[in-house]
Amino acid sequence: MELRDLQMFVAVVEEGGLSAAGRRLHISQPALSQTISRLERQLSTKLLARSSTGAHATEAGATLLGEARAVLARYDQALRTMARYTSPGRGVLRIGIPLELPAGLLDPALAELAQVHPDTRVQVRHLSTAGQWAALQTDELDVGFLREPPTGTEFDALLVVREQLGVLVAAQQAARLAGPDGIALDALVGLQWVGFPRSGSPAWYDELTGILRGHNIDLGPKAPEGQALIASVKLAAVATGRSFALAPPHWQQSLPDQVAWSPLVGHPLVRRTWAVWPADSTRGDLGRFIAALDRSAIS
């Protein structure tokens, strides 16, 4: 039984249902349901009674609720106690983030950081994965959010989000190509991919383009190295009907009427983002930020 499992169970009971708990924790409803089912199997008892109005704890569930709250409170107390043995922070926590980081991913961790370390000021820089790697290695960032995990022992990493990418195409094409489960990659043959420069994230670029080539997708002209393609240019290219772009389900940019988003059949393209920080860091505020991220990671 993991701390994260207990946190999910407590949230479901306190919120009165899986949907509300999922919004609170930024976790999908199926992931919550699987966790509750796993707990019930481990304990060989029913923990929740579900109905059309939500979910509430059974007698056994109410007992676990009290124990879980005590364990989580003790865990938080342990973190606060041990914080005295680490450096309190250097005043500023420097965070690197890429384009298209899911909205709300950082909010719970930043809120907890502000509560526990109110003197820490957060400084955010928008950088590619390659740019963040360079900044981490020269001590210009304290933590970055990268599309590639680190190698070696110099840095630690935490997988914080997995995004099943969909496709942006012209609205008329979406109506023609989309089936009940979305658009198949093979259906995009004949369109050019509006991509990003390889230098920004080489490993992710190679993984992505390898899958596209395997489906005979035209990669189109190479994006200029060192230049991120802004959203308006990407959407304009897609609206012509000659190109497509990839985007997560909850893309932060509003779409023009000429462009539509659709899931990809079978979810063949999964974009992962890791939080990465120096393995030898003893900062209490950074440790708290990472611990909070671990509890709110999006699967």
C-alpha atoms as a PDB file:
ATOM      1  CA  MET A   1       0.000   0.000   0.000  1.00  0.00           C
ATOM      2  CA  GLU A   2       1.585   3.276  -1.146  1.00  0.00           C
ATOM      3  CA  LEU A   3       1.182   6.808   0.199  1.00  0.00           C
ATOM      4  CA  ARG A   4      -0.201   7.855  -3.179  1.00  0.00           C
ATOM      5  CA  ASP A   5      -2.865   5.121  -2.980  1.00  0.00           C
ATOM      6  CA  LEU A   6      -3.955   6.389   0.432  1.00  0.00           C
ATOM      7  CA  GLN A   7      -4.047   9.975  -0.828  1.00  0.00           C
ATOM      8  CA  MET A   8      -6.319   8.931  -3.707  1.00  0.00           C
ATOM      9  CA  PHE A   9      -8.650   7.021  -1.384  1.00  0.00           C
ATOM     10  CA  VAL A  10      -8.932   9.955   1.017  1.00  0.00           C
ATOM     11  CA  ALA A  11      -9.681  12.333  -1.871  1.00  0.00           C
ATOM     12  CA  VAL A  12     -12.453  10.089  -3.235  1.00  0.00           C
ATOM     13  CA  VAL A  13     -14.152   9.873   0.161  1.00  0.00           C
ATOM     14  CA  GLU A  14     -13.761  13.590   0.919  1.00  0.00           C
ATOM     15  CA  GLU A  15     -14.999  14.641  -2.526  1.00  0.00           C
ATOM     16  CA  GLY A  16     -17.810  12.096  -2.601  1.00  0.00           C
ATOM     17  CA  GLY A  17     -16.940  10.618  -5.959  1.00  0.00           C
ATOM     18  CA  LEU A  18     -14.251   9.693  -8.496  1.00  0.00           C
ATOM     19  CA  SER A  19     -14.816  12.609 -10.867  1.00  0.00           C
ATOM     20  CA  ALA A  20     -14.426  15.319  -8.224  1.00  0.00           C
ATOM     21  CA  ALA A  21     -11.426  13.544  -6.703  1.00  0.00           C
ATOM     22  CA  GLY A  22      -9.828  13.281 -10.134  1.00  0.00           C
ATOM     23  CA  ARG A  23     -10.183  17.028 -10.665  1.00  0.00           C
ATOM     24  CA  ARG A  24      -8.688  17.707  -7.233  1.00  0.00           C
ATOM     25  CA  LEU A  25      -5.681  15.455  -7.819  1.00  0.00           C
ATOM     26  CA  HIS A  26      -5.400  15.995 -11.602  1.00  0.00           C
ATOM     27  CA  ILE A  27      -5.742  12.245 -12.112  1.00  0.00           C
ATOM     28  CA  SER A  28      -7.965  10.419 -14.589  1.00  0.00           C
ATOM     29  CA  GLN A  29     -11.092   8.701 -13.269  1.00  0.00           C
ATOM     30  CA  PRO A  30     -10.007   5.244 -14.588  1.00  0.00           C
ATOM     31  CA  ALA A  31      -6.683   5.570 -12.713  1.00  0.00           C
ATOM     32  CA  LEU A  32      -8.550   6.365  -9.490  1.00  0.00           C
ATOM     33  CA  SER A  33     -10.953   3.476 -10.011  1.00  0.00           C
ATOM     34  CA  GLN A  34      -8.059   1.063 -10.560  1.00  0.00           C
ATOM     35  CA  THR A  35      -6.347   2.271  -7.381  1.00  0.00           C
ATOM     36  CA  ILE A  36      -9.485   1.802  -5.265  1.00  0.00           C
ATOM     37  CA  SER A  37     -10.043  -1.665  -6.744  1.00  0.00           C
ATOM     38  CA  ARG A  38      -6.426  -2.582  -5.994  1.00  0.00           C
ATOM     39  CA  LEU A  39      -6.804  -1.448  -2.371  1.00  0.00           C
ATOM     40  CA  GLU A  40      -9.984  -3.477  -2.003  1.00  0.00           C
ATOM     41  CA  ARG A  41      -8.227  -6.568  -3.365  1.00  0.00           C
ATOM     42  CA  GLN A  42      -5.238  -6.052  -1.060  1.00  0.00           C
ATOM     43  CA  LEU A  43      -7.458  -5.657   2.007  1.00  0.00           C
ATOM     44  CA  SER A  44     -10.054  -8.240   0.896  1.00  0.00           C
ATOM     45  CA  THR A  45     -12.940  -5.931   1.755  1.00  0.00           C
ATOM     46  CA  LYS A  46     -15.239  -3.368   0.171  1.00  0.00           C
ATOM     47  CA  LEU A  47     -14.089   0.179   0.895  1.00  0.00           C
ATOM     48  CA  LEU A  48     -16.561   2.255  -1.118  1.00  0.00           C
ATOM     49  CA  ALA A  49     -20.267   2.025  -1.800  1.00  0.00           C
ATOM     50  CA  ARG A  50     -21.035   3.564  -5.193  1.00  0.00           C
ATOM     51  CA  SER A  51     -24.364   5.005  -6.279  1.00  0.00           C
ATOM     52  CA  SER A  52     -25.772   7.355  -8.903  1.00  0.00           C
ATOM     53  CA  THR A  53     -25.013  10.286  -6.603  1.00  0.00           C
ATOM     54  CA  GLY A  54     -21.365   9.422  -5.967  1.00  0.00           C
ATOM     55  CA  ALA A  55     -19.420   7.246  -3.549  1.00  0.00           C
ATOM     56  CA  HIS A  56     -19.178   6.982   0.239  1.00  0.00           C
ATOM     57  CA  ALA A  57     -17.069   4.905   2.613  1.00  0.00           C
ATOM     58  CA  THR A  58     -18.294   1.574   3.913  1.00  0.00           C
ATOM     59  CA  GLU A  59     -17.660   0.714   7.565  1.00  0.00           C
ATOM     60  CA  ALA A  60     -14.284  -0.741   6.575  1.00  0.00           C
ATOM     61  CA  GLY A  61     -13.635   2.270   4.368  1.00  0.00           C
ATOM     62  CA  ALA A  62     -14.328   4.679   7.229  1.00  0.00           C
ATOM     63  CA  THR A  63     -11.781   2.806   9.346  1.00  0.00           C
ATOM     64  CA  LEU A  64      -9.188   3.020   6.562  1.00  0.00           C
ATOM     65  CA  LEU A  65     -10.002   6.713   6.109  1.00  0.00           C
ATOM     66  CA  GLY A  66      -8.990   7.481   9.692  1.00  0.00           C
ATOM     67  CA  GLU A  67      -5.808   5.442   9.391  1.00  0.00           C
ATOM     68  CA  ALA A  68      -4.924   6.958   6.013  1.00  0.00           C
ATOM     69  CA  ARG A  69      -5.347  10.510   7.282  1.00  0.00           C
ATOM     70  CA  ALA A  70      -3.096   9.710  10.225  1.00  0.00           C
ATOM     71  CA  VAL A  71      -0.412   8.204   7.964  1.00  0.00           C
ATOM     72  CA  LEU A  72      -0.485  11.168   5.561  1.00  0.00           C
ATOM     73  CA  ALA A  73      -0.362  13.662   8.437  1.00  0.00           C
ATOM     74  CA  ARG A  74       2.610  11.790   9.913  1.00  0.00           C
ATOM     75  CA  TYR A  75       4.346  11.828   6.529  1.00  0.00           C
ATOM     76  CA  ASP A  76       3.902  15.593   6.206  1.00  0.00           C
ATOM     77  CA  GLN A  77       5.182  16.028   9.755  1.00  0.00           C
ATOM     78  CA  ALA A  78       8.264  13.947   8.922  1.00  0.00           C
ATOM     79  CA  LEU A  79       9.004  16.173   5.935  1.00  0.00           C
ATOM     80  CA  ARG A  80       8.674  19.293   8.056  1.00  0.00           C
ATOM     81  CA  THR A  81      10.914  17.823  10.768  1.00  0.00           C
ATOM     82  CA  MET A  82      13.638  16.743   8.360  1.00  0.00           C
ATOM     83  CA  ALA A  83      13.570  20.101   6.577  1.00  0.00           C
ATOM     84  CA  ARG A  84      15.629  21.554   9.428  1.00  0.00           C
ATOM     85  CA  TYR A  85      18.568  19.369   8.371  1.00  0.00           C
ATOM     86  CA  THR A  86      18.585  20.643   4.797  1.00  0.00           C
ATOM     87  CA  SER A  87      19.316  24.087   3.477  1.00  0.00           C
ATOM     88  CA  PRO A  88      16.199  26.251   3.569  1.00  0.00           C
ATOM     89  CA  GLY A  89      16.652  27.332  -0.032  1.00  0.00           C
ATOM     90  CA  ARG A  90      18.356  30.236  -1.673  1.00  0.00           C
ATOM     91  CA  GLY A  91      15.405  32.565  -1.961  1.00  0.00           C
ATOM     92  CA  VAL A  92      14.591  31.773  -5.590  1.00  0.00           C
ATOM     93  CA  LEU A  93      13.505  28.434  -7.078  1.00  0.00           C
ATOM     94  CA  ARG A  94      14.365  28.551 -10.780  1.00  0.00           C
ATOM     95  CA  ILE A  95      12.071  26.370 -12.880  1.00  0.00           C
ATOM     96  CA  GLY A  96      12.376  25.589 -16.590  1.00  0.00           C
ATOM     97  CA  ILE A  97       9.256  24.612 -18.519  1.00  0.00           C
ATOM     98  CA  PRO A  98       8.671  23.651 -22.164  1.00  0.00           C
ATOM     99  CA  LEU A  99       5.926  24.768 -24.490  1.00  0.00           C
ATOM    100  CA  GLU A 100       2.573  22.997 -24.082  1.00  0.00           C
ATOM    101  CA  LEU A 101       2.969  21.937 -20.463  1.00  0.00           C
ATOM    102  CA  PRO A 102      -0.523  20.818 -19.312  1.00  0.00           C
ATOM    103  CA  ALA A 103      -2.486  23.572 -17.620  1.00  0.00           C
ATOM    104  CA  GLY A 104      -2.726  23.063 -13.883  1.00  0.00           C
ATOM    105  CA  LEU A 105       0.104  20.526 -13.653  1.00  0.00           C
ATOM    106  CA  LEU A 106       2.221  22.743 -11.417  1.00  0.00           C
ATOM    107  CA  ASP A 107      -0.564  24.450  -9.471  1.00  0.00           C
ATOM    108  CA  PRO A 108      -0.873  21.985  -6.544  1.00  0.00           C
ATOM    109  CA  ALA A 109       2.910  21.773  -6.068  1.00  0.00           C
ATOM    110  CA  LEU A 110       3.348  25.550  -6.261  1.00  0.00           C
ATOM    111  CA  ALA A 111       0.510  26.086  -3.788  1.00  0.00           C
ATOM    112  CA  GLU A 112       2.077  23.662  -1.317  1.00  0.00           C
ATOM    113  CA  LEU A 113       5.479  25.264  -1.812  1.00  0.00           C
ATOM    114  CA  ALA A 114       4.038  28.711  -1.079  1.00  0.00           C
ATOM    115  CA  GLN A 115       2.396  27.422   2.095  1.00  0.00           C
ATOM    116  CA  VAL A 116       5.416  25.575   3.506  1.00  0.00           C
ATOM    117  CA  HIS A 117       8.179  27.851   2.159  1.00  0.00           C
ATOM    118  CA  PRO A 118       6.573  31.302   1.850  1.00  0.00           C
ATOM    119  CA  ASP A 119       9.980  32.977   1.540  1.00  0.00           C
ATOM    120  CA  THR A 120      10.854  31.073  -1.649  1.00  0.00           C
ATOM    121  CA  ARG A 121      10.228  33.056  -4.809  1.00  0.00           C
ATOM    122  CA  VAL A 122       9.556  31.105  -8.015  1.00  0.00           C
ATOM    123  CA  GLN A 123      11.230  32.161 -11.258  1.00  0.00           C
ATOM    124  CA  VAL A 124      10.044  30.467 -14.469  1.00  0.00           C
ATOM    125  CA  ARG A 125      11.882  30.261 -17.795  1.00  0.00           C
ATOM    126  CA  HIS A 126      10.438  28.848 -21.028  1.00  0.00           C
ATOM    127  CA  LEU A 127      13.107  26.660 -22.608  1.00  0.00           C
ATOM    128  CA  SER A 128      13.356  23.618 -24.870  1.00  0.00           C
ATOM    129  CA  THR A 129      14.565  20.327 -23.427  1.00  0.00           C
ATOM    130  CA  ALA A 130      18.056  20.991 -24.792  1.00  0.00           C
ATOM    131  CA  GLY A 131      18.031  24.505 -23.344  1.00  0.00           C
ATOM    132  CA  GLN A 132      16.976  23.186 -19.941  1.00  0.00           C
ATOM    133  CA  TRP A 133      19.682  20.521 -19.986  1.00  0.00           C
ATOM    134  CA  ALA A 134      22.298  23.176 -20.580  1.00  0.00           C
ATOM    135  CA  ALA A 135      20.886  25.408 -17.838  1.00  0.00           C
ATOM    136  CA  LEU A 136      20.716  22.550 -15.317  1.00  0.00           C
ATOM    137  CA  GLN A 137      24.324  21.582 -16.004  1.00  0.00           C
ATOM    138  CA  THR A 138      25.542  25.143 -15.490  1.00  0.00           C
ATOM    139  CA  ASP A 139      23.450  25.658 -12.332  1.00  0.00           C
ATOM    140  CA  GLU A 140      21.146  28.202 -13.988  1.00  0.00           C
ATOM    141  CA  LEU A 141      18.052  26.108 -13.156  1.00  0.00           C
ATOM    142  CA  ASP A 142      17.060  24.252  -9.999  1.00  0.00           C
ATOM    143  CA  VAL A 143      14.503  21.997 -11.688  1.00  0.00           C
ATOM    144  CA  GLY A 144      13.403  21.513 -15.283  1.00  0.00           C
ATOM    145  CA  PHE A 145      10.530  19.798 -17.080  1.00  0.00           C
ATOM    146  CA  LEU A 146      12.064  17.814 -19.907  1.00  0.00           C
ATOM    147  CA  ARG A 147      10.781  15.527 -22.662  1.00  0.00           C
ATOM    148  CA  GLU A 148      13.722  13.163 -22.044  1.00  0.00           C
ATOM    149  CA  PRO A 149      14.884  11.480 -18.807  1.00  0.00           C
ATOM    150  CA  PRO A 150      18.459  11.993 -17.622  1.00  0.00           C
ATOM    151  CA  THR A 151      21.204   9.411 -17.963  1.00  0.00           C
ATOM    152  CA  GLY A 152      23.800   8.712 -15.314  1.00  0.00           C
ATOM    153  CA  THR A 153      23.618   9.680 -11.653  1.00  0.00           C
ATOM    154  CA  GLU A 154      24.137  13.446 -11.796  1.00  0.00           C
ATOM    155  CA  PHE A 155      20.402  14.186 -11.920  1.00  0.00           C
ATOM    156  CA  ASP A 156      17.262  12.655 -10.451  1.00  0.00           C
ATOM    157  CA  ALA A 157      13.988  12.541 -12.354  1.00  0.00           C
ATOM    158  CA  LEU A 158      10.260  12.038 -11.790  1.00  0.00           C
ATOM    159  CA  LEU A 159       7.800  11.233 -14.570  1.00  0.00           C
ATOM    160  CA  VAL A 160       5.051  13.819 -14.055  1.00  0.00           C
ATOM    161  CA  VAL A 161       2.802  13.481 -17.107  1.00  0.00           C
ATOM    162  CA  ARG A 162       2.015  11.179 -20.031  1.00  0.00           C
ATOM    163  CA  GLU A 163       0.000  12.791 -22.845  1.00  0.00           C
ATOM    164  CA  GLN A 164      -1.651  10.822 -25.628  1.00  0.00           C
ATOM    165  CA  LEU A 165      -1.187  13.143 -28.575  1.00  0.00           C
ATOM    166  CA  GLY A 166      -3.946  13.766 -31.087  1.00  0.00           C
ATOM    167  CA  VAL A 167      -3.885  15.516 -34.434  1.00  0.00           C
ATOM    168  CA  LEU A 168      -4.824  19.000 -35.647  1.00  0.00           C
ATOM    169  CA  VAL A 169      -6.159  19.019 -39.211  1.00  0.00           C
ATOM    170  CA  ALA A 170      -8.355  21.252 -41.328  1.00  0.00           C
ATOM    171  CA  ALA A 171     -11.965  20.968 -40.136  1.00  0.00           C
ATOM    172  CA  GLN A 172     -13.225  19.601 -43.468  1.00  0.00           C
ATOM    173  CA  GLN A 173     -10.556  16.901 -43.421  1.00  0.00           C
ATOM    174  CA  ALA A 174     -11.398  15.972 -39.839  1.00  0.00           C
ATOM    175  CA  ALA A 175     -15.014  15.393 -40.834  1.00  0.00           C
ATOM    176  CA  ARG A 176     -13.864  13.136 -43.678  1.00  0.00           C
ATOM    177  CA  LEU A 177     -11.056  11.222 -41.960  1.00  0.00           C
ATOM    178  CA  ALA A 178     -12.320  10.746 -38.406  1.00  0.00           C
ATOM    179  CA  GLY A 179     -13.980   7.489 -37.388  1.00  0.00           C
ATOM    180  CA  PRO A 180     -15.614   6.618 -34.063  1.00  0.00           C
ATOM    181  CA  ASP A 181     -12.192   6.249 -32.397  1.00  0.00           C
ATOM    182  CA  GLY A 182     -10.521   9.202 -34.108  1.00  0.00           C
ATOM    183  CA  ILE A 183      -8.146   9.469 -37.057  1.00  0.00           C
ATOM    184  CA  ALA A 184      -5.700   6.701 -37.962  1.00  0.00           C
ATOM    185  CA  LEU A 185      -2.095   7.711 -38.594  1.00  0.00           C
ATOM    186  CA  ASP A 186      -2.237   6.020 -41.989  1.00  0.00           C
ATOM    187  CA  ALA A 187      -5.060   8.377 -42.989  1.00  0.00           C
ATOM    188  CA  LEU A 188      -2.616  11.315 -42.751  1.00  0.00           C
ATOM    189  CA  VAL A 189      -0.508  10.087 -45.677  1.00  0.00           C
ATOM    190  CA  GLY A 190      -0.327  12.929 -48.200  1.00  0.00           C
ATOM    191  CA  LEU A 191      -0.248  15.640 -45.538  1.00  0.00           C
ATOM    192  CA  GLN A 192       2.942  17.229 -44.234  1.00  0.00           C
ATOM    193  CA  TRP A 193       3.780  17.210 -40.543  1.00  0.00           C
ATOM    194  CA  VAL A 194       4.264  20.668 -39.031  1.00  0.00           C
ATOM    195  CA  GLY A 195       6.998  19.762 -36.575  1.00  0.00           C
ATOM    196  CA  PHE A 196       9.630  21.216 -34.296  1.00  0.00           C
ATOM    197  CA  PRO A 197      13.423  21.406 -34.660  1.00  0.00           C
ATOM    198  CA  ARG A 198      15.315  18.277 -33.637  1.00  0.00           C
ATOM    199  CA  SER A 199      17.797  20.349 -31.639  1.00  0.00           C
ATOM    200  CA  GLY A 200      15.096  21.213 -29.105  1.00  0.00           C
ATOM    201  CA  SER A 201      14.665  17.604 -27.919  1.00  0.00           C
ATOM    202  CA  PRO A 202      16.668  15.095 -29.998  1.00  0.00           C
ATOM    203  CA  ALA A 203      15.538  11.850 -28.324  1.00  0.00           C
ATOM    204  CA  TRP A 204      11.834  12.773 -28.388  1.00  0.00           C
ATOM    205  CA  TYR A 205      12.138  14.031 -31.976  1.00  0.00           C
ATOM    206  CA  ASP A 206      13.744  10.750 -33.089  1.00  0.00           C
ATOM    207  CA  GLU A 207      11.095   8.650 -31.319  1.00  0.00           C
ATOM    208  CA  LEU A 208       8.268  10.684 -32.821  1.00  0.00           C
ATOM    209  CA  THR A 209       9.586  10.866 -36.382  1.00  0.00           C
ATOM    210  CA  GLY A 210      10.454   7.158 -36.313  1.00  0.00           C
ATOM    211  CA  ILE A 211       6.783   6.345 -35.710  1.00  0.00           C
ATOM    212  CA  LEU A 212       5.632   8.814 -38.386  1.00  0.00           C
ATOM    213  CA  ARG A 213       8.066   7.406 -40.953  1.00  0.00           C
ATOM    214  CA  GLY A 214       6.830   3.918 -40.116  1.00  0.00           C
ATOM    215  CA  HIS A 215       3.397   5.041 -41.336  1.00  0.00           C
ATOM    216  CA  ASN A 216       4.820   6.702 -44.482  1.00  0.00           C
ATOM    217  CA  ILE A 217       4.053  10.190 -43.196  1.00  0.00           C
ATOM    218  CA  ASP A 218       5.654  13.126 -45.015  1.00  0.00           C
ATOM    219  CA  LEU A 219       7.807  14.951 -42.445  1.00  0.00           C
ATOM    220  CA  GLY A 220       7.807  18.072 -44.587  1.00  0.00           C
ATOM    221  CA  PRO A 221      10.588  20.659 -44.581  1.00  0.00           C
ATOM    222  CA  LYS A 222      12.749  20.676 -41.458  1.00  0.00           C
ATOM    223  CA  ALA A 223      11.846  23.292 -38.889  1.00  0.00           C
ATOM    224  CA  PRO A 224      14.597  25.918 -38.463  1.00  0.00           C
ATOM    225  CA  GLU A 225      17.013  24.800 -35.761  1.00  0.00           C
ATOM    226  CA  GLY A 226      16.824  26.796 -32.559  1.00  0.00           C
ATOM    227  CA  GLN A 227      13.412  28.311 -33.362  1.00  0.00           C
ATOM    228  CA  ALA A 228      10.207  27.091 -31.734  1.00  0.00           C
ATOM    229  CA  LEU A 229       7.197  27.193 -34.039  1.00  0.00           C
ATOM    230  CA  ILE A 230       4.610  29.554 -32.552  1.00  0.00           C
ATOM    231  CA  ALA A 231       1.033  28.345 -32.335  1.00  0.00           C
ATOM    232  CA  SER A 232      -0.450  30.854 -34.783  1.00  0.00           C
ATOM    233  CA  VAL A 233       1.958  29.780 -37.536  1.00  0.00           C
ATOM    234  CA  LYS A 234       1.245  26.104 -36.860  1.00  0.00           C
ATOM    235  CA  LEU A 235      -2.523  26.650 -37.024  1.00  0.00           C
ATOM    236  CA  ALA A 236      -2.231  28.697 -40.205  1.00  0.00           C
ATOM    237  CA  ALA A 237      -0.312  25.864 -41.900  1.00  0.00           C
ATOM    238  CA  VAL A 238      -2.898  23.295 -40.791  1.00  0.00           C
ATOM    239  CA  ALA A 239      -5.826  25.451 -41.977  1.00  0.00           C
ATOM    240  CA  THR A 240      -4.552  25.259 -45.574  1.00  0.00           C
ATOM    241  CA  GLY A 241      -5.512  21.583 -45.705  1.00  0.00           C
ATOM    242  CA  ARG A 242      -2.024  20.505 -46.749  1.00  0.00           C
ATOM    243  CA  SER A 243      -0.534  19.884 -43.297  1.00  0.00           C
ATOM    244  CA  PHE A 244      -1.236  18.453 -39.873  1.00  0.00           C
ATOM    245  CA  ALA A 245       0.174  19.083 -36.416  1.00  0.00           C
ATOM    246  CA  LEU A 246       0.231  17.066 -33.215  1.00  0.00           C
ATOM    247  CA  ALA A 247      -1.270  18.330 -29.974  1.00  0.00           C
ATOM    248  CA  PRO A 248      -2.493  16.959 -26.625  1.00  0.00           C
ATOM    249  CA  PRO A 249      -6.239  16.738 -25.877  1.00  0.00           C
ATOM    250  CA  HIS A 250      -6.356  19.916 -23.794  1.00  0.00           C
ATOM    251  CA  TRP A 251      -4.276  22.180 -25.989  1.00  0.00           C
ATOM    252  CA  GLN A 252      -4.044  25.611 -24.411  1.00  0.00           C
ATOM    253  CA  GLN A 253      -4.537  27.560 -27.647  1.00  0.00           C
ATOM    254  CA  SER A 254      -8.059  28.221 -28.891  1.00  0.00           C
ATOM    255  CA  LEU A 255      -8.689  26.694 -32.311  1.00  0.00           C
ATOM    256  CA  PRO A 256     -10.027  28.685 -35.281  1.00  0.00           C
ATOM    257  CA  ASP A 257     -13.141  27.381 -36.997  1.00  0.00           C
ATOM    258  CA  GLN A 258     -11.026  26.064 -39.884  1.00  0.00           C
ATOM    259  CA  VAL A 259      -9.057  23.671 -37.630  1.00  0.00           C
ATOM    260  CA  ALA A 260     -10.209  20.669 -35.603  1.00  0.00           C
ATOM    261  CA  TRP A 261      -8.513  18.349 -33.099  1.00  0.00           C
ATOM    262  CA  SER A 262      -9.065  14.588 -33.151  1.00  0.00           C
ATOM    263  CA  PRO A 263      -7.571  11.693 -31.147  1.00  0.00           C
ATOM    264  CA  LEU A 264      -5.355   9.225 -32.971  1.00  0.00           C
ATOM    265  CA  VAL A 265      -6.678   5.679 -33.249  1.00  0.00           C
ATOM    266  CA  GLY A 266      -4.833   3.418 -30.829  1.00  0.00           C
ATOM    267  CA  HIS A 267      -2.937   6.335 -29.208  1.00  0.00           C
ATOM    268  CA  PRO A 268       0.378   5.553 -30.960  1.00  0.00           C
ATOM    269  CA  LEU A 269       2.086   8.798 -29.881  1.00  0.00           C
ATOM    270  CA  VAL A 270       2.648   9.372 -26.164  1.00  0.00           C
ATOM    271  CA  ARG A 271       4.591  12.430 -25.001  1.00  0.00           C
ATOM    272  CA  ARG A 272       6.234  12.118 -21.594  1.00  0.00           C
ATOM    273  CA  THR A 273       7.543  14.903 -19.393  1.00  0.00           C
ATOM    274  CA  TRP A 274       9.969  14.431 -16.502  1.00  0.00           C
ATOM    275  CA  ALA A 275      10.837  16.775 -13.665  1.00  0.00           C
ATOM    276  CA  VAL A 276      14.651  16.766 -13.455  1.00  0.00           C
ATOM    277  CA  TRP A 277      16.832  18.213 -10.680  1.00  0.00           C
ATOM    278  CA  PRO A 278      20.419  17.799  -9.353  1.00  0.00           C
ATOM    279  CA  ALA A 279      20.759  14.551  -7.420  1.00  0.00           C
ATOM    280  CA  ASP A 280      22.958  16.174  -4.774  1.00  0.00           C
ATOM    281  CA  SER A 281      20.554  19.022  -3.978  1.00  0.00           C
ATOM    282  CA  THR A 282      19.773  19.467  -0.269  1.00  0.00           C
ATOM    283  CA  ARG A 283      17.274  22.304  -0.687  1.00  0.00           C
ATOM    284  CA  GLY A 284      14.254  21.854   1.533  1.00  0.00           C
ATOM    285  CA  ASP A 285      11.995  23.926  -0.723  1.00  0.00           C
ATOM    286  CA  LEU A 286      12.993  21.936  -3.815  1.00  0.00           C
ATOM    287  CA  GLY A 287      12.408  18.672  -1.968  1.00  0.00           C
ATOM    288  CA  ARG A 288       8.947  19.792  -0.931  1.00  0.00           C
ATOM    289  CA  PHE A 289       8.138  20.897  -4.485  1.00  0.00           C
ATOM    290  CA  ILE A 290       9.194  17.503  -5.894  1.00  0.00           C
ATOM    291  CA  ALA A 291       7.246  15.587  -3.218  1.00  0.00           C
ATOM    292  CA  ALA A 292       4.122  17.582  -4.062  1.00  0.00           C
ATOM    293  CA  LEU A 293       4.668  16.942  -7.772  1.00  0.00           C
ATOM    294  CA  ASP A 294       4.901  13.217  -7.067  1.00  0.00           C
ATOM    295  CA  ARG A 295       1.475  13.296  -5.419  1.00  0.00           C
ATOM    296  CA  SER A 296      -0.154  15.224  -8.268  1.00  0.00           C
ATOM    297  CA  ALA A 297       1.562  13.619 -11.281  1.00  0.00           C
ATOM    298  CA  ILE A 298      -0.762  13.018 -14.248  1.00  0.00           C
ATOM    299  CA  SER A 299      -0.763   9.473 -15.594  1.00  0.00           C
END
